[in-house]
Amino acid sequence: FGSLAQRSSVSKGSIHEILESVPENCLKVFDINLRQQYFSRE
């Protein structure tokens, strides 16, 4: 997953819901992918 699709609260919520659903040993890959103004420290 990355930061770009998290510019929207709807998609951000869905992404984190999926991340909460994966197994404990799942590789969770954050491809940070900073684009334009579409990211925040939070």
All heavy atoms as atom14 arrays in JSON, in Angstrom:
{
  "sequence": "FGSLAQRSSVSKGSIHEILESVPENCLKVFDINLRQQYFSRE",
  "atom14_mask": [
    [1, 1, 1, 1, 1, 1, 1, 1, 1, 1, 1, 0, 0, 0],
    [1, 1, 1, 1, 0, 0, 0, 0, 0, 0, 0, 0, 0, 0],
    [1, 1, 1, 1, 1, 1, 0, 0, 0, 0, 0, 0, 0, 0],
    [1, 1, 1, 1, 1, 1, 1, 1, 0, 0, 0, 0, 0, 0],
    [1, 1, 1, 1, 1, 0, 0, 0, 0, 0, 0, 0, 0, 0],
    [1, 1, 1, 1, 1, 1, 1, 1, 1, 0, 0, 0, 0, 0],
    [1, 1, 1, 1, 1, 1, 1, 1, 1, 1, 1, 0, 0, 0],
    [1, 1, 1, 1, 1, 1, 0, 0, 0, 0, 0, 0, 0, 0],
    [1, 1, 1, 1, 1, 1, 0, 0, 0, 0, 0, 0, 0, 0],
    [1, 1, 1, 1, 1, 1, 1, 0, 0, 0, 0, 0, 0, 0],
    [1, 1, 1, 1, 1, 1, 0, 0, 0, 0, 0, 0, 0, 0],
    [1, 1, 1, 1, 1, 1, 1, 1, 1, 0, 0, 0, 0, 0],
    [1, 1, 1, 1, 0, 0, 0, 0, 0, 0, 0, 0, 0, 0],
    [1, 1, 1, 1, 1, 1, 0, 0, 0, 0, 0, 0, 0, 0],
    [1, 1, 1, 1, 1, 1, 1, 1, 0, 0, 0, 0, 0, 0],
    [1, 1, 1, 1, 1, 1, 1, 1, 1, 1, 0, 0, 0, 0],
    [1, 1, 1, 1, 1, 1, 1, 1, 1, 0, 0, 0, 0, 0],
    [1, 1, 1, 1, 1, 1, 1, 1, 0, 0, 0, 0, 0, 0],
    [1, 1, 1, 1, 1, 1, 1, 1, 0, 0, 0, 0, 0, 0],
    [1, 1, 1, 1, 1, 1, 1, 1, 1, 0, 0, 0, 0, 0],
    [1, 1, 1, 1, 1, 1, 0, 0, 0, 0, 0, 0, 0, 0],
    [1, 1, 1, 1, 1, 1, 1, 0, 0, 0, 0, 0, 0, 0],
    [1, 1, 1, 1, 1, 1, 1, 0, 0, 0, 0, 0, 0, 0],
    [1, 1, 1, 1, 1, 1, 1, 1, 1, 0, 0, 0, 0, 0],
    [1, 1, 1, 1, 1, 1, 1, 1, 0, 0, 0, 0, 0, 0],
    [1, 1, 1, 1, 1, 1, 0, 0, 0, 0, 0, 0, 0, 0],
    [1, 1, 1, 1, 1, 1, 1, 1, 0, 0, 0, 0, 0, 0],
    [1, 1, 1, 1, 1, 1, 1, 1, 1, 0, 0, 0, 0, 0],
    [1, 1, 1, 1, 1, 1, 1, 0, 0, 0, 0, 0, 0, 0],
    [1, 1, 1, 1, 1, 1, 1, 1, 1, 1, 1, 0, 0, 0],
    [1, 1, 1, 1, 1, 1, 1, 1, 0, 0, 0, 0, 0, 0],
    [1, 1, 1, 1, 1, 1, 1, 1, 0, 0, 0, 0, 0, 0],
    [1, 1, 1, 1, 1, 1, 1, 1, 0, 0, 0, 0, 0, 0],
    [1, 1, 1, 1, 1, 1, 1, 1, 0, 0, 0, 0, 0, 0],
    [1, 1, 1, 1, 1, 1, 1, 1, 1, 1, 1, 0, 0, 0],
    [1, 1, 1, 1, 1, 1, 1, 1, 1, 0, 0, 0, 0, 0],
    [1, 1, 1, 1, 1, 1, 1, 1, 1, 0, 0, 0, 0, 0],
    [1, 1, 1, 1, 1, 1, 1, 1, 1, 1, 1, 1, 0, 0],
    [1, 1, 1, 1, 1, 1, 1, 1, 1, 1, 1, 0, 0, 0],
    [1, 1, 1, 1, 1, 1, 0, 0, 0, 0, 0, 0, 0, 0],
    [1, 1, 1, 1, 1, 1, 1, 1, 1, 1, 1, 0, 0, 0],
    [1, 1, 1, 1, 1, 1, 1, 1, 1, 0, 0, 0, 0, 0]
  ],
  "atom14_positions": [
    [[0.85, -1.19, 0.0], [0.0, 0.0, 0.0], [0.89, 1.24, 0.0], [2.08, 1.16, 0.26], [-0.92, 0.0, 1.23], [-0.19, 0.13, 2.54], [-0.22, 1.33, 3.25], [0.53, -0.93, 3.08], [0.46, 1.46, 4.46], [1.22, -0.81, 4.29], [1.18, 0.39, 4.98], [0.0, 0.0, 0.0], [0.0, 0.0, 0.0], [0.0, 0.0, 0.0]],
    [[0.31, 2.38, -0.32], [1.08, 3.62, -0.38], [0.37, 4.75, 0.32], [-0.61, 4.56, 1.04], [0.0, 0.0, 0.0], [0.0, 0.0, 0.0], [0.0, 0.0, 0.0], [0.0, 0.0, 0.0], [0.0, 0.0, 0.0], [0.0, 0.0, 0.0], [0.0, 0.0, 0.0], [0.0, 0.0, 0.0], [0.0, 0.0, 0.0], [0.0, 0.0, 0.0]],
    [[0.85, 5.97, 0.08], [0.23, 7.14, 0.7], [-0.79, 7.81, -0.21], [-1.7, 8.48, 0.26], [1.31, 8.16, 1.09], [2.0, 8.64, -0.05], [0.0, 0.0, 0.0], [0.0, 0.0, 0.0], [0.0, 0.0, 0.0], [0.0, 0.0, 0.0], [0.0, 0.0, 0.0], [0.0, 0.0, 0.0], [0.0, 0.0, 0.0], [0.0, 0.0, 0.0]],
    [[-0.65, 7.64, -1.53], [-1.48, 8.4, -2.46], [-2.96, 8.12, -2.3], [-3.78, 9.05, -2.21], [-1.03, 8.14, -3.91], [-1.8, 8.88, -5.01], [-1.78, 10.39, -4.77], [-1.21, 8.55, -6.37], [0.0, 0.0, 0.0], [0.0, 0.0, 0.0], [0.0, 0.0, 0.0], [0.0, 0.0, 0.0], [0.0, 0.0, 0.0], [0.0, 0.0, 0.0]],
    [[-3.35, 6.85, -2.27], [-4.78, 6.51, -2.15], [-5.34, 6.92, -0.8], [-6.57, 7.0, -0.64], [-4.99, 5.02, -2.38], [0.0, 0.0, 0.0], [0.0, 0.0, 0.0], [0.0, 0.0, 0.0], [0.0, 0.0, 0.0], [0.0, 0.0, 0.0], [0.0, 0.0, 0.0], [0.0, 0.0, 0.0], [0.0, 0.0, 0.0], [0.0, 0.0, 0.0]],
    [[-4.46, 7.23, 0.16], [-4.93, 7.66, 1.47], [-5.24, 9.16, 1.52], [-5.56, 9.7, 2.57], [-3.89, 7.3, 2.54], [-3.7, 5.8, 2.7], [-2.8, 5.47, 3.87], [-3.13, 5.73, 5.03], [-1.64, 4.88, 3.59], [0.0, 0.0, 0.0], [0.0, 0.0, 0.0], [0.0, 0.0, 0.0], [0.0, 0.0, 0.0], [0.0, 0.0, 0.0]],
    [[-5.17, 9.84, 0.35], [-5.57, 11.25, 0.31], [-7.07, 11.4, 0.59], [-7.54, 12.47, 0.98], [-5.23, 11.86, -1.05], [-6.07, 11.38, -2.21], [-5.64, 11.99, -3.53], [-6.5, 11.59, -4.65], [-6.35, 12.0, -5.89], [-5.36, 12.82, -6.2], [-7.18, 11.62, -6.84], [0.0, 0.0, 0.0], [0.0, 0.0, 0.0], [0.0, 0.0, 0.0]],
    [[-7.83, 10.33, 0.36], [-9.26, 10.31, 0.62], [-9.55, 9.54, 1.91], [-8.98, 8.47, 2.13], [-9.97, 9.63, -0.55], [-11.14, 8.97, -0.14], [0.0, 0.0, 0.0], [0.0, 0.0, 0.0], [0.0, 0.0, 0.0], [0.0, 0.0, 0.0], [0.0, 0.0, 0.0], [0.0, 0.0, 0.0], [0.0, 0.0, 0.0], [0.0, 0.0, 0.0]],
    [[-10.42, 10.08, 2.75], [-10.74, 9.4, 4.02], [-11.42, 8.07, 3.78], [-11.24, 7.12, 4.55], [-11.63, 10.3, 4.9], [-12.85, 10.59, 4.24], [0.0, 0.0, 0.0], [0.0, 0.0, 0.0], [0.0, 0.0, 0.0], [0.0, 0.0, 0.0], [0.0, 0.0, 0.0], [0.0, 0.0, 0.0], [0.0, 0.0, 0.0], [0.0, 0.0, 0.0]],
    [[-12.2, 7.96, 2.69], [-12.89, 6.7, 2.39], [-11.87, 5.61, 2.06], [-11.88, 4.53, 2.67], [-13.88, 6.89, 1.21], [-14.49, 5.54, 0.82], [-14.97, 7.88, 1.58], [0.0, 0.0, 0.0], [0.0, 0.0, 0.0], [0.0, 0.0, 0.0], [0.0, 0.0, 0.0], [0.0, 0.0, 0.0], [0.0, 0.0, 0.0], [0.0, 0.0, 0.0]],
    [[-11.0, 5.89, 1.11], [-10.0, 4.88, 0.72], [-9.01, 4.61, 1.86], [-8.61, 3.46, 2.07], [-9.25, 5.34, -0.53], [-10.12, 5.39, -1.64], [0.0, 0.0, 0.0], [0.0, 0.0, 0.0], [0.0, 0.0, 0.0], [0.0, 0.0, 0.0], [0.0, 0.0, 0.0], [0.0, 0.0, 0.0], [0.0, 0.0, 0.0], [0.0, 0.0, 0.0]],
    [[-8.65, 5.66, 2.58], [-7.73, 5.48, 3.72], [-8.31, 4.51, 4.74], [-7.63, 3.6, 5.22], [-7.45, 6.83, 4.37], [-6.47, 6.78, 5.54], [-6.22, 8.18, 6.08], [-5.21, 8.16, 7.23], [-4.91, 9.54, 7.71], [0.0, 0.0, 0.0], [0.0, 0.0, 0.0], [0.0, 0.0, 0.0], [0.0, 0.0, 0.0], [0.0, 0.0, 0.0]],
    [[-9.59, 4.68, 5.07], [-10.23, 3.78, 6.02], [-10.25, 2.35, 5.53], [-10.0, 1.41, 6.3], [0.0, 0.0, 0.0], [0.0, 0.0, 0.0], [0.0, 0.0, 0.0], [0.0, 0.0, 0.0], [0.0, 0.0, 0.0], [0.0, 0.0, 0.0], [0.0, 0.0, 0.0], [0.0, 0.0, 0.0], [0.0, 0.0, 0.0], [0.0, 0.0, 0.0]],
    [[-10.51, 2.15, 4.24], [-10.55, 0.8, 3.67], [-9.18, 0.15, 3.66], [-9.03, -1.05, 3.94], [-11.11, 0.85, 2.25], [-12.45, 1.32, 2.26], [0.0, 0.0, 0.0], [0.0, 0.0, 0.0], [0.0, 0.0, 0.0], [0.0, 0.0, 0.0], [0.0, 0.0, 0.0], [0.0, 0.0, 0.0], [0.0, 0.0, 0.0], [0.0, 0.0, 0.0]],
    [[-8.15, 0.93, 3.33], [-6.78, 0.41, 3.32], [-6.39, -0.09, 4.71], [-5.85, -1.19, 4.87], [-5.8, 1.48, 2.8], [-6.0, 1.69, 1.3], [-4.35, 1.09, 3.11], [-5.3, 2.91, 0.75], [0.0, 0.0, 0.0], [0.0, 0.0, 0.0], [0.0, 0.0, 0.0], [0.0, 0.0, 0.0], [0.0, 0.0, 0.0], [0.0, 0.0, 0.0]],
    [[-6.67, 0.7, 5.72], [-6.27, 0.31, 7.09], [-7.13, -0.84, 7.61], [-6.65, -1.66, 8.4], [-6.28, 1.52, 8.01], [-5.1, 2.42, 7.78], [-3.91, 2.25, 8.44], [-4.92, 3.45, 6.92], [-3.03, 3.16, 8.01], [-3.62, 3.89, 7.09], [0.0, 0.0, 0.0], [0.0, 0.0, 0.0], [0.0, 0.0, 0.0], [0.0, 0.0, 0.0]],
    [[-8.38, -0.92, 7.14], [-9.21, -2.07, 7.52], [-8.61, -3.35, 6.95], [-8.56, -4.38, 7.65], [-10.64, -1.87, 7.01], [-11.6, -2.97, 7.46], [-13.03, -2.75, 6.99], [-13.26, -1.82, 6.2], [-13.89, -3.54, 7.41], [0.0, 0.0, 0.0], [0.0, 0.0, 0.0], [0.0, 0.0, 0.0], [0.0, 0.0, 0.0], [0.0, 0.0, 0.0]],
    [[-8.16, -3.3, 5.72], [-7.5, -4.47, 5.12], [-6.23, -4.82, 5.89], [-5.96, -5.99, 6.18], [-7.17, -4.2, 3.64], [-8.45, -4.21, 2.79], [-6.17, -5.22, 3.11], [-9.06, -5.58, 2.58], [0.0, 0.0, 0.0], [0.0, 0.0, 0.0], [0.0, 0.0, 0.0], [0.0, 0.0, 0.0], [0.0, 0.0, 0.0], [0.0, 0.0, 0.0]],
    [[-5.43, -3.81, 6.22], [-4.17, -4.06, 6.93], [-4.41, -4.68, 8.31], [-3.57, -5.43, 8.8], [-3.37, -2.76, 7.06], [-2.84, -2.18, 5.74], [-2.21, -0.81, 5.98], [-1.83, -3.12, 5.09], [0.0, 0.0, 0.0], [0.0, 0.0, 0.0], [0.0, 0.0, 0.0], [0.0, 0.0, 0.0], [0.0, 0.0, 0.0], [0.0, 0.0, 0.0]],
    [[-5.54, -4.37, 8.91], [-5.88, -4.97, 10.19], [-6.34, -6.42, 10.02], [-6.36, -7.19, 10.98], [-7.0, -4.17, 10.88], [-6.57, -2.8, 11.37], [-5.6, -2.86, 12.53], [-5.58, -3.88, 13.26], [-4.83, -1.89, 12.71], [0.0, 0.0, 0.0], [0.0, 0.0, 0.0], [0.0, 0.0, 0.0], [0.0, 0.0, 0.0], [0.0, 0.0, 0.0]],
    [[-6.69, -6.79, 8.79], [-7.23, -8.13, 8.52], [-6.17, -9.16, 8.16], [-6.46, -10.35, 8.16], [-8.26, -8.05, 7.38], [-9.31, -7.17, 7.71], [0.0, 0.0, 0.0], [0.0, 0.0, 0.0], [0.0, 0.0, 0.0], [0.0, 0.0, 0.0], [0.0, 0.0, 0.0], [0.0, 0.0, 0.0], [0.0, 0.0, 0.0], [0.0, 0.0, 0.0]],
    [[-4.97, -8.7, 7.77], [-3.96, -9.64, 7.29], [-3.36, -10.43, 8.46], [-3.41, -9.99, 9.61], [-2.84, -8.92, 6.51], [-3.41, -8.17, 5.31], [-2.05, -7.97, 7.41], [0.0, 0.0, 0.0], [0.0, 0.0, 0.0], [0.0, 0.0, 0.0], [0.0, 0.0, 0.0], [0.0, 0.0, 0.0], [0.0, 0.0, 0.0], [0.0, 0.0, 0.0]],
    [[-2.77, -11.6, 8.19], [-2.14, -12.38, 9.27], [-0.97, -11.62, 9.9], [-0.39, -10.72, 9.28], [-1.64, -13.63, 8.54], [-2.44, -13.71, 7.29], [-2.74, -12.3, 6.9], [0.0, 0.0, 0.0], [0.0, 0.0, 0.0], [0.0, 0.0, 0.0], [0.0, 0.0, 0.0], [0.0, 0.0, 0.0], [0.0, 0.0, 0.0], [0.0, 0.0, 0.0]],
    [[-0.63, -12.01, 11.1], [0.44, -11.32, 11.84], [1.77, -11.37, 11.09], [2.55, -10.42, 11.12], [0.6, -11.94, 13.23], [1.58, -11.2, 14.11], [1.64, -11.77, 15.52], [0.78, -12.6, 15.87], [2.57, -11.39, 16.27], [0.0, 0.0, 0.0], [0.0, 0.0, 0.0], [0.0, 0.0, 0.0], [0.0, 0.0, 0.0], [0.0, 0.0, 0.0]],
    [[2.04, -12.48, 10.41], [3.32, -12.63, 9.72], [3.3, -12.13, 8.28], [4.27, -12.31, 7.53], [3.78, -14.09, 9.75], [2.82, -15.01, 9.01], [1.7, -14.62, 8.68], [3.25, -16.24, 8.75], [0.0, 0.0, 0.0], [0.0, 0.0, 0.0], [0.0, 0.0, 0.0], [0.0, 0.0, 0.0], [0.0, 0.0, 0.0], [0.0, 0.0, 0.0]],
    [[2.21, -11.52, 7.85], [2.11, -10.97, 6.5], [3.11, -9.82, 6.33], [3.27, -8.98, 7.23], [0.69, -10.45, 6.26], [0.42, -9.64, 4.69], [0.0, 0.0, 0.0], [0.0, 0.0, 0.0], [0.0, 0.0, 0.0], [0.0, 0.0, 0.0], [0.0, 0.0, 0.0], [0.0, 0.0, 0.0], [0.0, 0.0, 0.0], [0.0, 0.0, 0.0]],
    [[3.8, -9.77, 5.2], [4.68, -8.65, 4.88], [3.82, -7.46, 4.49], [3.11, -7.49, 3.48], [5.61, -9.0, 3.73], [6.6, -10.15, 3.94], [7.36, -10.41, 2.64], [7.57, -9.82, 5.07], [0.0, 0.0, 0.0], [0.0, 0.0, 0.0], [0.0, 0.0, 0.0], [0.0, 0.0, 0.0], [0.0, 0.0, 0.0], [0.0, 0.0, 0.0]],
    [[3.86, -6.4, 5.29], [3.07, -5.2, 5.01], [4.03, -4.16, 4.43], [4.84, -3.58, 5.15], [2.37, -4.71, 6.28], [1.32, -5.71, 6.78], [0.64, -5.26, 8.04], [1.51, -5.42, 9.27], [1.81, -6.81, 9.6], [0.0, 0.0, 0.0], [0.0, 0.0, 0.0], [0.0, 0.0, 0.0], [0.0, 0.0, 0.0], [0.0, 0.0, 0.0]],
    [[3.92, -3.95, 3.13], [4.9, -3.16, 2.39], [4.35, -1.75, 2.17], [3.36, -1.57, 1.43], [5.21, -3.8, 1.03], [6.35, -3.06, 0.34], [5.53, -5.29, 1.18], [0.0, 0.0, 0.0], [0.0, 0.0, 0.0], [0.0, 0.0, 0.0], [0.0, 0.0, 0.0], [0.0, 0.0, 0.0], [0.0, 0.0, 0.0], [0.0, 0.0, 0.0]],
    [[4.98, -0.77, 2.79], [4.58, 0.62, 2.6], [5.48, 1.24, 1.53], [6.61, 1.62, 1.79], [4.7, 1.38, 3.93], [4.27, 2.83, 3.85], [3.22, 3.23, 3.04], [4.9, 3.78, 4.62], [2.82, 4.57, 2.99], [4.52, 5.12, 4.58], [3.47, 5.51, 3.76], [0.0, 0.0, 0.0], [0.0, 0.0, 0.0], [0.0, 0.0, 0.0]],
    [[4.95, 1.29, 0.3], [5.63, 1.97, -0.79], [5.19, 3.43, -0.7], [4.14, 3.8, -1.22], [5.23, 1.34, -2.13], [5.93, 1.98, -3.31], [6.71, 2.93, -3.09], [5.7, 1.55, -4.45], [0.0, 0.0, 0.0], [0.0, 0.0, 0.0], [0.0, 0.0, 0.0], [0.0, 0.0, 0.0], [0.0, 0.0, 0.0], [0.0, 0.0, 0.0]],
    [[5.99, 4.23, -0.04], [5.55, 5.55, 0.43], [5.02, 6.43, -0.7], [4.03, 7.11, -0.54], [6.68, 6.23, 1.23], [6.15, 7.4, 2.05], [7.83, 6.61, 0.33], [7.15, 7.93, 3.08], [0.0, 0.0, 0.0], [0.0, 0.0, 0.0], [0.0, 0.0, 0.0], [0.0, 0.0, 0.0], [0.0, 0.0, 0.0], [0.0, 0.0, 0.0]],
    [[5.69, 6.46, -1.84], [5.16, 7.04, -3.07], [4.58, 8.44, -2.88], [3.4, 8.68, -3.17], [4.09, 6.08, -3.65], [3.93, 6.24, -5.15], [4.83, 6.72, -5.83], [2.78, 5.84, -5.64], [0.0, 0.0, 0.0], [0.0, 0.0, 0.0], [0.0, 0.0, 0.0], [0.0, 0.0, 0.0], [0.0, 0.0, 0.0], [0.0, 0.0, 0.0]],
    [[5.39, 9.36, -2.37], [4.93, 10.72, -2.13], [4.67, 11.43, -3.46], [5.56, 11.51, -4.3], [5.96, 11.5, -1.31], [6.34, 10.9, 0.05], [7.34, 11.8, 0.76], [5.1, 10.67, 0.93], [0.0, 0.0, 0.0], [0.0, 0.0, 0.0], [0.0, 0.0, 0.0], [0.0, 0.0, 0.0], [0.0, 0.0, 0.0], [0.0, 0.0, 0.0]],
    [[3.48, 11.95, -3.61], [3.1, 12.62, -4.85], [2.48, 13.97, -4.53], [1.51, 14.06, -3.77], [2.08, 11.78, -5.64], [2.65, 10.49, -6.21], [3.52, 10.75, -7.43], [4.0, 9.53, -8.04], [5.2, 9.01, -7.85], [6.06, 9.62, -7.04], [5.57, 7.89, -8.46], [0.0, 0.0, 0.0], [0.0, 0.0, 0.0], [0.0, 0.0, 0.0]],
    [[3.06, 15.03, -5.12], [2.53, 16.38, -5.01], [2.23, 16.71, -3.54], [3.07, 16.5, -2.67], [1.34, 16.53, -5.96], [1.7, 16.37, -7.42], [0.51, 16.24, -8.34], [0.58, 15.61, -9.38], [-0.62, 16.84, -8.01], [0.0, 0.0, 0.0], [0.0, 0.0, 0.0], [0.0, 0.0, 0.0], [0.0, 0.0, 0.0], [0.0, 0.0, 0.0]],
    [[1.0, 17.16, -3.27], [0.65, 17.54, -1.89], [-0.16, 16.45, -1.19], [-0.67, 16.68, -0.09], [-0.16, 18.85, -1.9], [-1.61, 18.7, -2.37], [-1.78, 18.72, -3.88], [-0.84, 18.53, -4.62], [-3.01, 18.98, -4.33], [0.0, 0.0, 0.0], [0.0, 0.0, 0.0], [0.0, 0.0, 0.0], [0.0, 0.0, 0.0], [0.0, 0.0, 0.0]],
    [[-0.22, 15.25, -1.77], [-1.16, 14.23, -1.3], [-0.58, 13.36, -0.18], [-0.62, 12.13, -0.26], [-1.62, 13.37, -2.46], [-2.3, 14.13, -3.56], [-1.81, 14.09, -4.86], [-3.43, 14.92, -3.3], [-2.43, 14.79, -5.88], [-4.05, 15.63, -4.3], [-3.54, 15.56, -5.59], [-4.16, 16.27, -6.61], [0.0, 0.0, 0.0], [0.0, 0.0, 0.0]],
    [[-0.06, 13.97, 0.86], [0.39, 13.19, 2.01], [0.47, 14.12, 3.22], [0.49, 15.34, 3.08], [1.75, 12.53, 1.74], [2.87, 13.5, 1.47], [3.68, 13.97, 2.52], [3.16, 13.95, 0.2], [4.71, 14.85, 2.29], [4.2, 14.83, -0.05], [4.97, 15.29, 0.99], [0.0, 0.0, 0.0], [0.0, 0.0, 0.0], [0.0, 0.0, 0.0]],
    [[0.52, 13.51, 4.39], [0.64, 14.27, 5.64], [1.48, 13.46, 6.62], [1.65, 12.24, 6.46], [-0.73, 14.52, 6.25], [-1.33, 13.3, 6.67], [0.0, 0.0, 0.0], [0.0, 0.0, 0.0], [0.0, 0.0, 0.0], [0.0, 0.0, 0.0], [0.0, 0.0, 0.0], [0.0, 0.0, 0.0], [0.0, 0.0, 0.0], [0.0, 0.0, 0.0]],
    [[2.0, 14.13, 7.65], [2.76, 13.44, 8.68], [1.91, 12.38, 9.37], [2.38, 11.27, 9.65], [3.29, 14.44, 9.71], [4.26, 13.83, 10.72], [4.69, 14.85, 11.76], [5.77, 14.34, 12.58], [5.62, 13.51, 13.62], [4.4, 13.07, 13.94], [6.67, 13.1, 14.31], [0.0, 0.0, 0.0], [0.0, 0.0, 0.0], [0.0, 0.0, 0.0]],
    [[0.66, 12.7, 9.61], [-0.25, 11.76, 10.28], [-0.41, 10.47, 9.47], [-0.33, 9.36, 10.02], [-1.62, 12.43, 10.48], [-2.66, 11.5, 11.11], [-4.06, 12.09, 11.06], [-4.27, 13.12, 10.4], [-4.96, 11.49, 11.68], [0.0, 0.0, 0.0], [0.0, 0.0, 0.0], [0.0, 0.0, 0.0], [0.0, 0.0, 0.0], [0.0, 0.0, 0.0]]
  ]
}
